[in-house]
Amino acid sequence: MKIGEVAKEVGAPTRMLRYYEQQGLIEASRSTNGYREYSDEQIEHARHVRALVAAGLSTRMIKIVLNIEAPAMQDQADLCNRALAEELAQELRVVENRIVCLEKSRDAVIDYLQRTNHTDLLTAT
């Protein structure tokens, strides 16, 4: 699949996909004419990166997370130095704070909809 199709599939502009590639977050194969070509696996990986970006992680932190998730790193947790562990712990606190904020927003919207004539919309999600 070419980059324009992948952009629609993933929900990110082509420019953003090129940026992700430049940052080493995703890879694309190249056709003989030099166009980027994405396999199903590469598209799924790009979708995962996009979700991490949408969750608010920086591209630097996404690279760390992707490395941690890599099968080769699964059994090498002892290679994590103290500085990286502290950085991950800080990022965890940031993510947890976002979750709390999102939960409050969700609860406020639910509460509001429950006070309207549109409670049927609550079960539509």
PDB file of N, CA and C in Angstrom:
ATOM      1  N   MET A   1       0.849  -1.165   0.000  1.00  0.00           N
ATOM      2  CA  MET A   1       0.000   0.000   0.000  1.00  0.00           C
ATOM      3  C   MET A   1       0.902   1.238   0.000  1.00  0.00           C
ATOM      4  N   LYS A   2       0.526   2.230  -0.755  1.00  0.00           N
ATOM      5  CA  LYS A   2       1.303   3.468  -0.849  1.00  0.00           C
ATOM      6  C   LYS A   2       0.962   4.408   0.310  1.00  0.00           C
ATOM      7  N   ILE A   3       1.814   5.405   0.501  1.00  0.00           N
ATOM      8  CA  ILE A   3       1.730   6.268   1.679  1.00  0.00           C
ATOM      9  C   ILE A   3       0.391   7.005   1.788  1.00  0.00           C
ATOM     10  N   GLY A   4      -0.181   7.453   0.674  1.00  0.00           N
ATOM     11  CA  GLY A   4      -1.460   8.157   0.727  1.00  0.00           C
ATOM     12  C   GLY A   4      -2.579   7.269   1.243  1.00  0.00           C
ATOM     13  N   GLU A   5      -2.566   6.020   0.819  1.00  0.00           N
ATOM     14  CA  GLU A   5      -3.578   5.063   1.280  1.00  0.00           C
ATOM     15  C   GLU A   5      -3.372   4.736   2.753  1.00  0.00           C
ATOM     16  N   VAL A   6      -2.112   4.599   3.138  1.00  0.00           N
ATOM     17  CA  VAL A   6      -1.798   4.308   4.540  1.00  0.00           C
ATOM     18  C   VAL A   6      -2.211   5.479   5.425  1.00  0.00           C
ATOM     19  N   ALA A   7      -1.997   6.683   4.944  1.00  0.00           N
ATOM     20  CA  ALA A   7      -2.377   7.873   5.713  1.00  0.00           C
ATOM     21  C   ALA A   7      -3.866   7.847   6.034  1.00  0.00           C
ATOM     22  N   LYS A   8      -4.676   7.509   5.040  1.00  0.00           N
ATOM     23  CA  LYS A   8      -6.126   7.413   5.278  1.00  0.00           C
ATOM     24  C   LYS A   8      -6.448   6.276   6.232  1.00  0.00           C
ATOM     25  N   GLU A   9      -5.781   5.165   6.049  1.00  0.00           N
ATOM     26  CA  GLU A   9      -6.006   3.978   6.881  1.00  0.00           C
ATOM     27  C   GLU A   9      -5.648   4.225   8.343  1.00  0.00           C
ATOM     28  N   VAL A  10      -4.549   4.927   8.557  1.00  0.00           N
ATOM     29  CA  VAL A  10      -4.024   5.160   9.907  1.00  0.00           C
ATOM     30  C   VAL A  10      -4.631   6.404  10.550  1.00  0.00           C
ATOM     31  N   GLY A  11      -5.077   7.340   9.731  1.00  0.00           N
ATOM     32  CA  GLY A  11      -5.630   8.576  10.265  1.00  0.00           C
ATOM     33  C   GLY A  11      -4.567   9.606  10.580  1.00  0.00           C
ATOM     34  N   ALA A  12      -3.520   9.620   9.760  1.00  0.00           N
ATOM     35  CA  ALA A  12      -2.433  10.584   9.940  1.00  0.00           C
ATOM     36  C   ALA A  12      -2.056  11.131   8.570  1.00  0.00           C
ATOM     37  N   PRO A  13      -1.731  12.398   8.483  1.00  0.00           N
ATOM     38  CA  PRO A  13      -1.313  12.953   7.194  1.00  0.00           C
ATOM     39  C   PRO A  13      -0.030  12.273   6.697  1.00  0.00           C
ATOM     40  N   THR A  14       0.163  12.276   5.391  1.00  0.00           N
ATOM     41  CA  THR A  14       1.371  11.673   4.821  1.00  0.00           C
ATOM     42  C   THR A  14       2.626  12.327   5.380  1.00  0.00           C
ATOM     43  N   ARG A  15       2.562  13.610   5.594  1.00  0.00           N
ATOM     44  CA  ARG A  15       3.707  14.333   6.162  1.00  0.00           C
ATOM     45  C   ARG A  15       4.080  13.774   7.536  1.00  0.00           C
ATOM     46  N   MET A  16       3.053  13.425   8.326  1.00  0.00           N
ATOM     47  CA  MET A  16       3.291  12.874   9.652  1.00  0.00           C
ATOM     48  C   MET A  16       3.931  11.487   9.550  1.00  0.00           C
ATOM     49  N   LEU A  17       3.475  10.687   8.585  1.00  0.00           N
ATOM     50  CA  LEU A  17       4.082   9.367   8.404  1.00  0.00           C
ATOM     51  C   LEU A  17       5.550   9.489   8.016  1.00  0.00           C
ATOM     52  N   ARG A  18       5.845  10.453   7.165  1.00  0.00           N
ATOM     53  CA  ARG A  18       7.247  10.683   6.796  1.00  0.00           C
ATOM     54  C   ARG A  18       8.064  11.106   8.026  1.00  0.00           C
ATOM     55  N   TYR A  19       7.470  11.926   8.877  1.00  0.00           N
ATOM     56  CA  TYR A  19       8.142  12.355  10.102  1.00  0.00           C
ATOM     57  C   TYR A  19       8.386  11.156  11.021  1.00  0.00           C
ATOM     58  N   TYR A  20       7.380  10.302  11.178  1.00  0.00           N
ATOM     59  CA  TYR A  20       7.552   9.099  12.002  1.00  0.00           C
ATOM     60  C   TYR A  20       8.700   8.249  11.459  1.00  0.00           C
ATOM     61  N   GLU A  21       8.771   8.139  10.148  1.00  0.00           N
ATOM     62  CA  GLU A  21       9.848   7.364   9.528  1.00  0.00           C
ATOM     63  C   GLU A  21      11.201   8.030   9.799  1.00  0.00           C
ATOM     64  N   GLN A  22      11.262   9.338   9.655  1.00  0.00           N
ATOM     65  CA  GLN A  22      12.495  10.090   9.909  1.00  0.00           C
ATOM     66  C   GLN A  22      12.961   9.894  11.356  1.00  0.00           C
ATOM     67  N   GLN A  23      12.008   9.802  12.280  1.00  0.00           N
ATOM     68  CA  GLN A  23      12.329   9.623  13.699  1.00  0.00           C
ATOM     69  C   GLN A  23      12.641   8.171  14.051  1.00  0.00           C
ATOM     70  N   GLY A  24      12.515   7.273  13.084  1.00  0.00           N
ATOM     71  CA  GLY A  24      12.815   5.862  13.329  1.00  0.00           C
ATOM     72  C   GLY A  24      11.696   5.107  14.013  1.00  0.00           C
ATOM     73  N   LEU A  25      10.482   5.658  13.959  1.00  0.00           N
ATOM     74  CA  LEU A  25       9.342   5.012  14.616  1.00  0.00           C
ATOM     75  C   LEU A  25       8.652   3.999  13.712  1.00  0.00           C
ATOM     76  N   ILE A  26       8.672   4.239  12.421  1.00  0.00           N
ATOM     77  CA  ILE A  26       8.085   3.308  11.459  1.00  0.00           C
ATOM     78  C   ILE A  26       9.069   3.117  10.308  1.00  0.00           C
ATOM     79  N   GLU A  27       8.828   2.078   9.545  1.00  0.00           N
ATOM     80  CA  GLU A  27       9.639   1.817   8.357  1.00  0.00           C
ATOM     81  C   GLU A  27       8.716   1.574   7.182  1.00  0.00           C
ATOM     82  N   ALA A  28       9.212   1.892   6.023  1.00  0.00           N
ATOM     83  CA  ALA A  28       8.500   1.596   4.784  1.00  0.00           C
ATOM     84  C   ALA A  28       9.489   0.953   3.827  1.00  0.00           C
ATOM     85  N   SER A  29       9.003   0.023   3.057  1.00  0.00           N
ATOM     86  CA  SER A  29       9.825  -0.548   1.991  1.00  0.00           C
ATOM     87  C   SER A  29       9.795   0.431   0.832  1.00  0.00           C
ATOM     88  N   ARG A  30      10.714   0.280  -0.082  1.00  0.00           N
ATOM     89  CA  ARG A  30      10.746   1.149  -1.258  1.00  0.00           C
ATOM     90  C   ARG A  30      10.547   0.315  -2.516  1.00  0.00           C
ATOM     91  N   SER A  31       9.687   0.795  -3.390  1.00  0.00           N
ATOM     92  CA  SER A  31       9.502   0.133  -4.669  1.00  0.00           C
ATOM     93  C   SER A  31      10.653   0.529  -5.589  1.00  0.00           C
ATOM     94  N   THR A  32      10.717  -0.061  -6.755  1.00  0.00           N
ATOM     95  CA  THR A  32      11.818   0.232  -7.680  1.00  0.00           C
ATOM     96  C   THR A  32      11.844   1.695  -8.096  1.00  0.00           C
ATOM     97  N   ASN A  33      10.686   2.347  -8.102  1.00  0.00           N
ATOM     98  CA  ASN A  33      10.646   3.769  -8.473  1.00  0.00           C
ATOM     99  C   ASN A  33      10.864   4.685  -7.259  1.00  0.00           C
ATOM    100  N   GLY A  34      11.137   4.098  -6.091  1.00  0.00           N
ATOM    101  CA  GLY A  34      11.445   4.881  -4.901  1.00  0.00           C
ATOM    102  C   GLY A  34      10.252   5.233  -4.031  1.00  0.00           C
ATOM    103  N   TYR A  35       9.041   4.859  -4.458  1.00  0.00           N
ATOM    104  CA  TYR A  35       7.852   5.147  -3.653  1.00  0.00           C
ATOM    105  C   TYR A  35       7.839   4.272  -2.405  1.00  0.00           C
ATOM    106  N   ARG A  36       7.309   4.851  -1.346  1.00  0.00           N
ATOM    107  CA  ARG A  36       7.158   4.073  -0.118  1.00  0.00           C
ATOM    108  C   ARG A  36       6.037   3.058  -0.312  1.00  0.00           C
ATOM    109  N   GLU A  37       6.294   1.849   0.153  1.00  0.00           N
ATOM    110  CA  GLU A  37       5.304   0.771   0.125  1.00  0.00           C
ATOM    111  C   GLU A  37       5.209   0.198   1.536  1.00  0.00           C
ATOM    112  N   TYR A  38       3.995  -0.010   2.011  1.00  0.00           N
ATOM    113  CA  TYR A  38       3.783  -0.515   3.364  1.00  0.00           C
ATOM    114  C   TYR A  38       3.103  -1.873   3.320  1.00  0.00           C
ATOM    115  N   SER A  39       3.644  -2.814   4.072  1.00  0.00           N
ATOM    116  CA  SER A  39       3.012  -4.127   4.237  1.00  0.00           C
ATOM    117  C   SER A  39       1.919  -4.006   5.291  1.00  0.00           C
ATOM    118  N   ASP A  40       1.104  -5.031   5.423  1.00  0.00           N
ATOM    119  CA  ASP A  40       0.067  -5.032   6.453  1.00  0.00           C
ATOM    120  C   ASP A  40       0.685  -4.875   7.846  1.00  0.00           C
ATOM    121  N   GLU A  41       1.807  -5.526   8.063  1.00  0.00           N
ATOM    122  CA  GLU A  41       2.488  -5.434   9.355  1.00  0.00           C
ATOM    123  C   GLU A  41       2.994  -4.013   9.608  1.00  0.00           C
ATOM    124  N   GLN A  42       3.538  -3.381   8.588  1.00  0.00           N
ATOM    125  CA  GLN A  42       4.025  -2.006   8.728  1.00  0.00           C
ATOM    126  C   GLN A  42       2.868  -1.034   8.965  1.00  0.00           C
ATOM    127  N   ILE A  43       1.734  -1.297   8.336  1.00  0.00           N
ATOM    128  CA  ILE A  43       0.546  -0.455   8.546  1.00  0.00           C
ATOM    129  C   ILE A  43       0.064  -0.594   9.981  1.00  0.00           C
ATOM    130  N   GLU A  44       0.025  -1.811  10.480  1.00  0.00           N
ATOM    131  CA  GLU A  44      -0.410  -2.036  11.862  1.00  0.00           C
ATOM    132  C   GLU A  44       0.552  -1.358  12.841  1.00  0.00           C
ATOM    133  N   HIS A  45       1.826  -1.411  12.550  1.00  0.00           N
ATOM    134  CA  HIS A  45       2.821  -0.744  13.393  1.00  0.00           C
ATOM    135  C   HIS A  45       2.615   0.771  13.362  1.00  0.00           C
ATOM    136  N   ALA A  46       2.354   1.324  12.178  1.00  0.00           N
ATOM    137  CA  ALA A  46       2.094   2.769  12.053  1.00  0.00           C
ATOM    138  C   ALA A  46       0.837   3.143  12.832  1.00  0.00           C
ATOM    139  N   ARG A  47      -0.161   2.290  12.790  1.00  0.00           N
ATOM    140  CA  ARG A  47      -1.397   2.535  13.550  1.00  0.00           C
ATOM    141  C   ARG A  47      -1.094   2.563  15.056  1.00  0.00           C
ATOM    142  N   HIS A  48      -0.222   1.663  15.501  1.00  0.00           N
ATOM    143  CA  HIS A  48       0.173   1.615  16.915  1.00  0.00           C
ATOM    144  C   HIS A  48       0.912   2.897  17.305  1.00  0.00           C
ATOM    145  N   VAL A  49       1.830   3.334  16.451  1.00  0.00           N
ATOM    146  CA  VAL A  49       2.570   4.578  16.713  1.00  0.00           C
ATOM    147  C   VAL A  49       1.590   5.742  16.788  1.00  0.00           C
ATOM    148  N   ARG A  50       0.654   5.790  15.870  1.00  0.00           N
ATOM    149  CA  ARG A  50      -0.347   6.869  15.857  1.00  0.00           C
ATOM    150  C   ARG A  50      -1.150   6.884  17.156  1.00  0.00           C
ATOM    151  N   ALA A  51      -1.501   5.698  17.655  1.00  0.00           N
ATOM    152  CA  ALA A  51      -2.242   5.607  18.916  1.00  0.00           C
ATOM    153  C   ALA A  51      -1.404   6.113  20.085  1.00  0.00           C
ATOM    154  N   LEU A  52      -0.124   5.814  20.073  1.00  0.00           N
ATOM    155  CA  LEU A  52       0.757   6.311  21.141  1.00  0.00           C
ATOM    156  C   LEU A  52       0.881   7.824  21.086  1.00  0.00           C
ATOM    157  N   VAL A  53       0.953   8.366  19.874  1.00  0.00           N
ATOM    158  CA  VAL A  53       0.983   9.829  19.712  1.00  0.00           C
ATOM    159  C   VAL A  53      -0.328  10.423  20.228  1.00  0.00           C
ATOM    160  N   ALA A  54      -1.446   9.808  19.855  1.00  0.00           N
ATOM    161  CA  ALA A  54      -2.760  10.303  20.298  1.00  0.00           C
ATOM    162  C   ALA A  54      -2.903  10.228  21.816  1.00  0.00           C
ATOM    163  N   ALA A  55      -2.203   9.283  22.427  1.00  0.00           N
ATOM    164  CA  ALA A  55      -2.236   9.166  23.886  1.00  0.00           C
ATOM    165  C   ALA A  55      -1.388  10.233  24.561  1.00  0.00           C
ATOM    166  N   GLY A  56      -0.635  10.989  23.751  1.00  0.00           N
ATOM    167  CA  GLY A  56       0.126  12.105  24.302  1.00  0.00           C
ATOM    168  C   GLY A  56       1.600  11.834  24.529  1.00  0.00           C
ATOM    169  N   LEU A  57       2.102  10.694  24.107  1.00  0.00           N
ATOM    170  CA  LEU A  57       3.513  10.412  24.286  1.00  0.00           C
ATOM    171  C   LEU A  57       4.334  11.174  23.254  1.00  0.00           C
ATOM    172  N   SER A  58       5.497  11.613  23.667  1.00  0.00           N
ATOM    173  CA  SER A  58       6.416  12.281  22.739  1.00  0.00           C
ATOM    174  C   SER A  58       7.027  11.225  21.828  1.00  0.00           C
ATOM    175  N   THR A  59       7.538  11.670  20.688  1.00  0.00           N
ATOM    176  CA  THR A  59       8.153  10.705  19.778  1.00  0.00           C
ATOM    177  C   THR A  59       9.370  10.050  20.432  1.00  0.00           C
ATOM    178  N   ARG A  60      10.058  10.786  21.253  1.00  0.00           N
ATOM    179  CA  ARG A  60      11.199  10.205  21.979  1.00  0.00           C
ATOM    180  C   ARG A  60      10.737   9.088  22.904  1.00  0.00           C
ATOM    181  N   MET A  61       9.648   9.322  23.636  1.00  0.00           N
ATOM    182  CA  MET A  61       9.135   8.309  24.548  1.00  0.00           C
ATOM    183  C   MET A  61       8.544   7.138  23.769  1.00  0.00           C
ATOM    184  N   ILE A  62       7.944   7.416  22.629  1.00  0.00           N
ATOM    185  CA  ILE A  62       7.385   6.338  21.803  1.00  0.00           C
ATOM    186  C   ILE A  62       8.502   5.400  21.362  1.00  0.00           C
ATOM    187  N   LYS A  63       9.638   5.956  20.999  1.00  0.00           N
ATOM    188  CA  LYS A  63      10.770   5.125  20.590  1.00  0.00           C
ATOM    189  C   LYS A  63      11.190   4.203  21.734  1.00  0.00           C
ATOM    190  N   ILE A  64      11.205   4.729  22.935  1.00  0.00           N
ATOM    191  CA  ILE A  64      11.549   3.922  24.105  1.00  0.00           C
ATOM    192  C   ILE A  64      10.515   2.824  24.308  1.00  0.00           C
ATOM    193  N   VAL A  65       9.246   3.186  24.240  1.00  0.00           N
ATOM    194  CA  VAL A  65       8.170   2.208  24.422  1.00  0.00           C
ATOM    195  C   VAL A  65       8.250   1.114  23.354  1.00  0.00           C
ATOM    196  N   LEU A  66       8.471   1.499  22.105  1.00  0.00           N
ATOM    197  CA  LEU A  66       8.575   0.517  21.030  1.00  0.00           C
ATOM    198  C   LEU A  66       9.750  -0.428  21.266  1.00  0.00           C
ATOM    199  N   ASN A  67      10.858   0.107  21.755  1.00  0.00           N
ATOM    200  CA  ASN A  67      12.006  -0.740  22.064  1.00  0.00           C
ATOM    201  C   ASN A  67      11.681  -1.715  23.185  1.00  0.00           C
ATOM    202  N   ILE A  68      10.954  -1.243  24.187  1.00  0.00           N
ATOM    203  CA  ILE A  68      10.569  -2.103  25.312  1.00  0.00           C
ATOM    204  C   ILE A  68       9.625  -3.208  24.825  1.00  0.00           C
ATOM    205  N   GLU A  69       8.731  -2.854  23.909  1.00  0.00           N
ATOM    206  CA  GLU A  69       7.757  -3.826  23.396  1.00  0.00           C
ATOM    207  C   GLU A  69       8.368  -4.838  22.432  1.00  0.00           C
ATOM    208  N   ALA A  70       9.525  -4.520  21.873  1.00  0.00           N
ATOM    209  CA  ALA A  70      10.151  -5.404  20.887  1.00  0.00           C
ATOM    210  C   ALA A  70      10.432  -6.768  21.514  1.00  0.00           C
ATOM    211  N   PRO A  71      10.127  -7.844  20.786  1.00  0.00           N
ATOM    212  CA  PRO A  71      10.347  -9.192  21.331  1.00  0.00           C
ATOM    213  C   PRO A  71      11.766  -9.419  21.846  1.00  0.00           C
ATOM    214  N   ALA A  72      12.761  -8.837  21.193  1.00  0.00           N
ATOM    215  CA  ALA A  72      14.151  -9.014  21.623  1.00  0.00           C
ATOM    216  C   ALA A  72      14.403  -8.403  22.995  1.00  0.00           C
ATOM    217  N   MET A  73      13.601  -7.401  23.372  1.00  0.00           N
ATOM    218  CA  MET A  73      13.808  -6.716  24.654  1.00  0.00           C
ATOM    219  C   MET A  73      12.965  -7.307  25.787  1.00  0.00           C
ATOM    220  N   GLN A  74      12.045  -8.179  25.487  1.00  0.00           N
ATOM    221  CA  GLN A  74      11.136  -8.708  26.502  1.00  0.00           C
ATOM    222  C   GLN A  74      11.873  -9.321  27.694  1.00  0.00           C
ATOM    223  N   ASP A  75      12.972 -10.010  27.425  1.00  0.00           N
ATOM    224  CA  ASP A  75      13.698 -10.696  28.492  1.00  0.00           C
ATOM    225  C   ASP A  75      14.941  -9.940  28.937  1.00  0.00           C
ATOM    226  N   GLN A  76      15.043  -8.671  28.569  1.00  0.00           N
ATOM    227  CA  GLN A  76      16.244  -7.922  28.888  1.00  0.00           C
ATOM    228  C   GLN A  76      15.947  -6.707  29.758  1.00  0.00           C
ATOM    229  N   ALA A  77      14.976  -6.826  30.644  1.00  0.00           N
ATOM    230  CA  ALA A  77      14.608  -5.705  31.509  1.00  0.00           C
ATOM    231  C   ALA A  77      15.761  -5.269  32.397  1.00  0.00           C
ATOM    232  N   ASP A  78      16.704  -6.174  32.664  1.00  0.00           N
ATOM    233  CA  ASP A  78      17.836  -5.823  33.512  1.00  0.00           C
ATOM    234  C   ASP A  78      18.796  -4.839  32.833  1.00  0.00           C
ATOM    235  N   LEU A  79      18.608  -4.588  31.533  1.00  0.00           N
ATOM    236  CA  LEU A  79      19.443  -3.630  30.817  1.00  0.00           C
ATOM    237  C   LEU A  79      18.968  -2.189  31.013  1.00  0.00           C
ATOM    238  N   CYS A  80      17.842  -2.015  31.667  1.00  0.00           N
ATOM    239  CA  CYS A  80      17.275  -0.680  31.899  1.00  0.00           C
ATOM    240  C   CYS A  80      18.087   0.012  32.993  1.00  0.00           C
ATOM    241  N   ASN A  81      18.765   1.096  32.634  1.00  0.00           N
ATOM    242  CA  ASN A  81      19.544   1.812  33.642  1.00  0.00           C
ATOM    243  C   ASN A  81      18.631   2.692  34.493  1.00  0.00           C
ATOM    244  N   ARG A  82      19.174   3.227  35.547  1.00  0.00           N
ATOM    245  CA  ARG A  82      18.393   4.029  36.504  1.00  0.00           C
ATOM    246  C   ARG A  82      17.789   5.276  35.846  1.00  0.00           C
ATOM    247  N   ALA A  83      18.558   5.938  35.002  1.00  0.00           N
ATOM    248  CA  ALA A  83      18.060   7.161  34.356  1.00  0.00           C
ATOM    249  C   ALA A  83      16.848   6.851  33.480  1.00  0.00           C
ATOM    250  N   LEU A  84      16.913   5.770  32.716  1.00  0.00           N
ATOM    251  CA  LEU A  84      15.780   5.394  31.875  1.00  0.00           C
ATOM    252  C   LEU A  84      14.585   5.004  32.735  1.00  0.00           C
ATOM    253  N   ALA A  85      14.826   4.258  33.798  1.00  0.00           N
ATOM    254  CA  ALA A  85      13.742   3.864  34.701  1.00  0.00           C
ATOM    255  C   ALA A  85      13.067   5.087  35.314  1.00  0.00           C
ATOM    256  N   GLU A  86      13.840   6.085  35.701  1.00  0.00           N
ATOM    257  CA  GLU A  86      13.276   7.314  36.267  1.00  0.00           C
ATOM    258  C   GLU A  86      12.452   8.060  35.222  1.00  0.00           C
ATOM    259  N   GLU A  87      12.957   8.091  33.996  1.00  0.00           N
ATOM    260  CA  GLU A  87      12.226   8.754  32.916  1.00  0.00           C
ATOM    261  C   GLU A  87      10.901   8.036  32.634  1.00  0.00           C
ATOM    262  N   LEU A  88      10.945   6.718  32.632  1.00  0.00           N
ATOM    263  CA  LEU A  88       9.718   5.941  32.413  1.00  0.00           C
ATOM    264  C   LEU A  88       8.730   6.142  33.562  1.00  0.00           C
ATOM    265  N   ALA A  89       9.236   6.205  34.779  1.00  0.00           N
ATOM    266  CA  ALA A  89       8.368   6.431  35.932  1.00  0.00           C
ATOM    267  C   ALA A  89       7.703   7.802  35.842  1.00  0.00           C
ATOM    268  N   GLN A  90       8.455   8.808  35.405  1.00  0.00           N
ATOM    269  CA  GLN A  90       7.883  10.149  35.219  1.00  0.00           C
ATOM    270  C   GLN A  90       6.809  10.124  34.135  1.00  0.00           C
ATOM    271  N   GLU A  91       7.096   9.448  33.036  1.00  0.00           N
ATOM    272  CA  GLU A  91       6.114   9.344  31.953  1.00  0.00           C
ATOM    273  C   GLU A  91       4.868   8.610  32.440  1.00  0.00           C
ATOM    274  N   LEU A  92       5.054   7.599  33.262  1.00  0.00           N
ATOM    275  CA  LEU A  92       3.919   6.867  33.827  1.00  0.00           C
ATOM    276  C   LEU A  92       3.038   7.803  34.643  1.00  0.00           C
ATOM    277  N   ARG A  93       3.646   8.669  35.446  1.00  0.00           N
ATOM    278  CA  ARG A  93       2.862   9.634  36.236  1.00  0.00           C
ATOM    279  C   ARG A  93       2.086  10.581  35.321  1.00  0.00           C
ATOM    280  N   VAL A  94       2.714  11.024  34.237  1.00  0.00           N
ATOM    281  CA  VAL A  94       2.043  11.915  33.285  1.00  0.00           C
ATOM    282  C   VAL A  94       0.844  11.205  32.653  1.00  0.00           C
ATOM    283  N   VAL A  95       1.051   9.960  32.243  1.00  0.00           N
ATOM    284  CA  VAL A  95      -0.033   9.180  31.629  1.00  0.00           C
ATOM    285  C   VAL A  95      -1.158   8.948  32.629  1.00  0.00           C
ATOM    286  N   GLU A  96      -0.804   8.608  33.855  1.00  0.00           N
ATOM    287  CA  GLU A  96      -1.824   8.379  34.886  1.00  0.00           C
ATOM    288  C   GLU A  96      -2.618   9.653  35.161  1.00  0.00           C
ATOM    289  N   ASN A  97      -1.966  10.800  35.167  1.00  0.00           N
ATOM    290  CA  ASN A  97      -2.674  12.072  35.356  1.00  0.00           C
ATOM    291  C   ASN A  97      -3.625  12.345  34.200  1.00  0.00           C
ATOM    292  N   ARG A  98      -3.195  12.011  32.970  1.00  0.00           N
ATOM    293  CA  ARG A  98      -4.082  12.170  31.814  1.00  0.00           C
ATOM    294  C   ARG A  98      -5.306  11.280  31.944  1.00  0.00           C
ATOM    295  N   ILE A  99      -5.089  10.060  32.425  1.00  0.00           N
ATOM    296  CA  ILE A  99      -6.201   9.125  32.605  1.00  0.00           C
ATOM    297  C   ILE A  99      -7.200   9.675  33.607  1.00  0.00           C
ATOM    298  N   VAL A 100      -6.713  10.208  34.710  1.00  0.00           N
ATOM    299  CA  VAL A 100      -7.599  10.796  35.718  1.00  0.00           C
ATOM    300  C   VAL A 100      -8.400  11.937  35.103  1.00  0.00           C
ATOM    301  N   CYS A 101      -7.733  12.789  34.346  1.00  0.00           N
ATOM    302  CA  CYS A 101      -8.403  13.916  33.697  1.00  0.00           C
ATOM    303  C   CYS A 101      -9.450  13.426  32.703  1.00  0.00           C
ATOM    304  N   LEU A 102      -9.097  12.434  31.902  1.00  0.00           N
ATOM    305  CA  LEU A 102     -10.046  11.882  30.928  1.00  0.00           C
ATOM    306  C   LEU A 102     -11.242  11.227  31.619  1.00  0.00           C
ATOM    307  N   GLU A 103     -10.996  10.545  32.726  1.00  0.00           N
ATOM    308  CA  GLU A 103     -12.094   9.923  33.472  1.00  0.00           C
ATOM    309  C   GLU A 103     -13.049  10.984  34.015  1.00  0.00           C
ATOM    310  N   LYS A 104     -12.503  12.092  34.518  1.00  0.00           N
ATOM    311  CA  LYS A 104     -13.350  13.179  35.011  1.00  0.00           C
ATOM    312  C   LYS A 104     -14.179  13.773  33.873  1.00  0.00           C
ATOM    313  N   SER A 105     -13.550  13.968  32.736  1.00  0.00           N
ATOM    314  CA  SER A 105     -14.285  14.498  31.580  1.00  0.00           C
ATOM    315  C   SER A 105     -15.382  13.530  31.145  1.00  0.00           C
ATOM    316  N   ARG A 106     -15.039  12.251  31.072  1.00  0.00           N
ATOM    317  CA  ARG A 106     -16.031  11.233  30.704  1.00  0.00           C
ATOM    318  C   ARG A 106     -17.201  11.246  31.680  1.00  0.00           C
ATOM    319  N   ASP A 107     -16.901  11.282  32.977  1.00  0.00           N
ATOM    320  CA  ASP A 107     -17.955  11.271  33.983  1.00  0.00           C
ATOM    321  C   ASP A 107     -18.846  12.508  33.881  1.00  0.00           C
ATOM    322  N   ALA A 108     -18.249  13.652  33.581  1.00  0.00           N
ATOM    323  CA  ALA A 108     -19.028  14.884  33.428  1.00  0.00           C
ATOM    324  C   ALA A 108     -19.962  14.790  32.225  1.00  0.00           C
ATOM    325  N   VAL A 109     -19.478  14.231  31.121  1.00  0.00           N
ATOM    326  CA  VAL A 109     -20.316  14.078  29.930  1.00  0.00           C
ATOM    327  C   VAL A 109     -21.438  13.088  30.200  1.00  0.00           C
ATOM    328  N   ILE A 110     -21.122  11.981  30.857  1.00  0.00           N
ATOM    329  CA  ILE A 110     -22.154  10.990  31.204  1.00  0.00           C
ATOM    330  C   ILE A 110     -23.211  11.627  32.092  1.00  0.00           C
ATOM    331  N   ASP A 111     -22.762  12.356  33.100  1.00  0.00           N
ATOM    332  CA  ASP A 111     -23.691  13.015  34.016  1.00  0.00           C
ATOM    333  C   ASP A 111     -24.610  13.976  33.259  1.00  0.00           C
ATOM    334  N   TYR A 112     -24.030  14.753  32.361  1.00  0.00           N
ATOM    335  CA  TYR A 112     -24.824  15.704  31.587  1.00  0.00           C
ATOM    336  C   TYR A 112     -25.848  14.983  30.714  1.00  0.00           C
ATOM    337  N   LEU A 113     -25.405  13.953  30.006  1.00  0.00           N
ATOM    338  CA  LEU A 113     -26.331  13.223  29.129  1.00  0.00           C
ATOM    339  C   LEU A 113     -27.436  12.533  29.918  1.00  0.00           C
ATOM    340  N   GLN A 114     -27.119  12.091  31.114  1.00  0.00           N
ATOM    341  CA  GLN A 114     -28.142  11.460  31.954  1.00  0.00           C
ATOM    342  C   GLN A 114     -29.218  12.440  32.384  1.00  0.00           C
ATOM    343  N   ARG A 115     -28.893  13.735  32.369  1.00  0.00           N
ATOM    344  CA  ARG A 115     -29.874  14.754  32.740  1.00  0.00           C
ATOM    345  C   ARG A 115     -30.642  15.284  31.538  1.00  0.00           C
ATOM    346  N   THR A 116     -30.386  14.728  30.371  1.00  0.00           N
ATOM    347  CA  THR A 116     -31.076  15.154  29.159  1.00  0.00           C
ATOM    348  C   THR A 116     -32.059  14.088  28.705  1.00  0.00           C
ATOM    349  N   ASN A 117     -32.682  14.350  27.590  1.00  0.00           N
ATOM    350  CA  ASN A 117     -33.583  13.359  26.995  1.00  0.00           C
ATOM    351  C   ASN A 117     -32.838  12.443  26.023  1.00  0.00           C
ATOM    352  N   HIS A 118     -31.527  12.398  26.138  1.00  0.00           N
ATOM    353  CA  HIS A 118     -30.728  11.646  25.173  1.00  0.00           C
ATOM    354  C   HIS A 118     -29.908  10.550  25.824  1.00  0.00           C
ATOM    355  N   THR A 119     -30.400   9.960  26.893  1.00  0.00           N
ATOM    356  CA  THR A 119     -29.652   8.905  27.580  1.00  0.00           C
ATOM    357  C   THR A 119     -29.454   7.671  26.700  1.00  0.00           C
ATOM    358  N   ASP A 120     -30.259   7.530  25.652  1.00  0.00           N
ATOM    359  CA  ASP A 120     -30.082   6.397  24.740  1.00  0.00           C
ATOM    360  C   ASP A 120     -28.714   6.444  24.061  1.00  0.00           C
ATOM    361  N   LEU A 121     -28.142   7.628  23.966  1.00  0.00           N
ATOM    362  CA  LEU A 121     -26.833   7.768  23.329  1.00  0.00           C
ATOM    363  C   LEU A 121     -25.706   7.173  24.178  1.00  0.00           C
ATOM    364  N   LEU A 122     -25.944   7.009  25.454  1.00  0.00           N
ATOM    365  CA  LEU A 122     -24.934   6.447  26.342  1.00  0.00           C
ATOM    366  C   LEU A 122     -24.663   4.974  26.038  1.00  0.00           C
ATOM    367  N   THR A 123     -25.649   4.265  25.558  1.00  0.00           N
ATOM    368  CA  THR A 123     -25.467   2.837  25.252  1.00  0.00           C
ATOM    369  C   THR A 123     -25.015   2.623  23.808  1.00  0.00           C
ATOM    370  N   ALA A 124     -24.953   3.695  23.035  1.00  0.00           N
ATOM    371  CA  ALA A 124     -24.582   3.577  21.618  1.00  0.00           C
ATOM    372  C   ALA A 124     -23.087   3.443  21.419  1.00  0.00           C
ATOM    373  N   THR A 125     -22.289   3.666  22.464  1.00  0.00           N
ATOM    374  CA  THR A 125     -20.823   3.596  22.299  1.00  0.00           C
ATOM    375  C   THR A 125     -20.275   2.223  22.414  1.00  0.00           C
TER     376      THR A 125
END
